Protein backbone atom coordinates (compact mmCIF):
# COMPACT_ATOMS: atom_id res chain seq x y z
CA GLY A 1 0.12 0.61 -0.27
CA ARG A 2 0.40 3.49 0.44
CA ARG A 3 2.83 3.39 3.41
CA ARG A 4 4.65 0.79 2.29
CA SER A 5 5.31 2.33 -1.24
CA GLN A 6 6.60 5.90 1.00
CA ALA A 7 8.76 3.47 3.72
CA ALA A 8 10.82 1.58 0.35
CA ARG A 9 11.43 5.39 -1.45
CA ARG A 10 12.68 6.75 1.90
CA ALA A 11 15.22 4.12 1.59
CA ALA A 12 15.68 4.71 -2.12
CA VAL A 13 16.99 8.46 -0.29
CA LEU A 14 18.69 7.08 1.95
CA ARG A 15 20.18 4.92 -0.98
CA ALA A 16 21.20 7.55 -3.14
CA ARG A 17 23.06 9.69 -0.57
CA GLY A 18 25.37 6.73 0.26
CA ALA A 19 26.00 6.40 -3.26
CA GLY A 20 26.10 10.26 -3.58
CA GLY A 21 28.65 10.28 -0.79
CA ALA A 22 30.61 8.01 -2.17
CA ALA A 23 31.01 8.88 -5.84
CA ALA A 24 32.30 12.52 -3.77
CA ALA A 25 34.82 10.68 -1.30
CA GLY A 26 36.46 8.79 -4.27
CA GLY A 27 36.69 12.17 -6.04
CA GLY A 28 37.49 13.93 -3.19
CA VAL A 29 34.99 16.62 -2.86
CA GLY A 30 33.18 17.39 -0.05
CA VAL A 31 29.10 16.46 1.27
CA GLY A 32 28.28 19.21 3.24
CA CYS A 33 24.26 18.38 4.95
CA CYS A 34 22.26 21.10 6.14
CA GLY A 35 18.58 21.46 6.96
CA GLY A 36 16.18 19.69 9.76
CA ARG A 37 18.32 16.50 9.22
CA ALA A 38 21.40 17.62 9.62
CA GLY A 39 20.56 19.38 13.27
CA ASP A 40 19.24 16.16 14.53
CA SER A 41 21.76 14.72 16.50
CA ASP A 42 19.99 11.40 16.46
CA LEU A 43 21.02 11.53 12.56
CA THR A 44 24.83 12.64 13.10
CA GLU A 45 25.91 9.37 13.93
CA LEU A 46 23.98 8.07 10.08
CA LEU A 47 24.53 11.58 8.42
CA VAL A 48 28.60 11.23 9.06
CA GLY A 49 27.86 7.33 7.74
CA LEU A 50 27.36 8.13 4.29
CA GLY A 51 30.27 10.69 4.07
CA CYS A 52 28.36 14.03 5.16
CA ASP A 53 31.92 15.58 6.46
CA GLU A 54 30.47 19.05 6.79
CA LEU A 55 27.14 20.07 9.14
CA SER A 56 25.24 23.70 8.42
CA VAL A 57 23.10 22.91 11.27
CA GLY A 58 21.14 26.55 13.26
CA PRO A 59 22.76 28.15 16.48
CA PRO A 60 20.54 25.83 18.77
CA ALA A 61 21.35 22.05 17.15
CA VAL A 62 25.45 23.46 16.96
CA PRO A 63 26.16 21.97 20.99
CA ARG A 64 24.31 18.46 20.11
CA VAL A 65 24.74 17.94 16.64
CA LYS A 66 28.87 18.82 18.80
CA ARG A 67 28.74 16.24 21.14
CA ALA A 68 27.24 13.52 18.93
CA VAL A 69 30.34 13.24 16.26
CA SER A 70 32.16 13.66 19.24
CA GLU A 71 31.08 10.29 20.86
CA VAL A 72 31.46 8.29 17.26
CA THR A 73 34.07 6.89 15.29
CA ALA A 74 34.68 7.16 11.57
CA GLU A 75 33.95 3.35 11.52
CA GLU A 76 31.25 3.34 14.00
CA ALA A 77 29.13 6.05 11.91
CA ARG A 78 29.78 3.78 8.78
CA ALA A 79 28.91 0.60 10.39
CA THR A 80 25.54 2.67 11.46
CA ALA A 81 25.27 3.55 7.12
CA GLU A 82 26.42 -0.37 6.82
CA ARG A 83 23.63 -1.63 8.01
CA ALA A 84 21.04 1.41 7.70
CA LEU A 85 21.75 1.20 4.25
CA ALA A 86 20.43 -2.55 3.92
CA ALA A 87 17.23 -1.70 5.24
CA ALA A 88 14.25 -1.91 3.13
CA THR A 89 11.33 0.03 5.05
CA ARG A 90 11.30 2.78 7.21
CA GLU A 91 10.68 0.55 10.08
CA ASP A 92 14.64 -1.31 9.27
CA VAL A 93 16.56 1.59 8.91
CA ARG A 94 15.16 3.77 12.56
CA ASP A 95 16.10 -0.04 13.86
CA ALA A 96 18.97 0.67 12.51
CA LEU A 97 19.60 3.32 13.87
CA SER A 98 18.88 2.41 17.07
CA GLU A 99 21.88 -0.78 16.91
CA PRO A 100 24.44 0.27 19.42
CA THR A 101 27.73 0.91 17.96
CA ARG A 102 30.18 0.50 20.05
């Protein structure tokens, strides 16, 4: 139904973002992420793992995002992104993001 289609599109968007991050990194190009998602500290590890090397966030989010970046290694972030990229649905992505990386 409609919910499954939306979930599949979200998973597809996540895979597209991951492919873009990988292509940029392979070409030596930085990847910036901005907006509400970049300011969501619950997504920081995922975004870093997808290759975002610059997060543009509003001033209120800076301390939370900075703390989230400092609490994860690049290897842990990549592992989180790999789990999320393997997910088929939004719920699977949420489960992947809630798994401890350490």
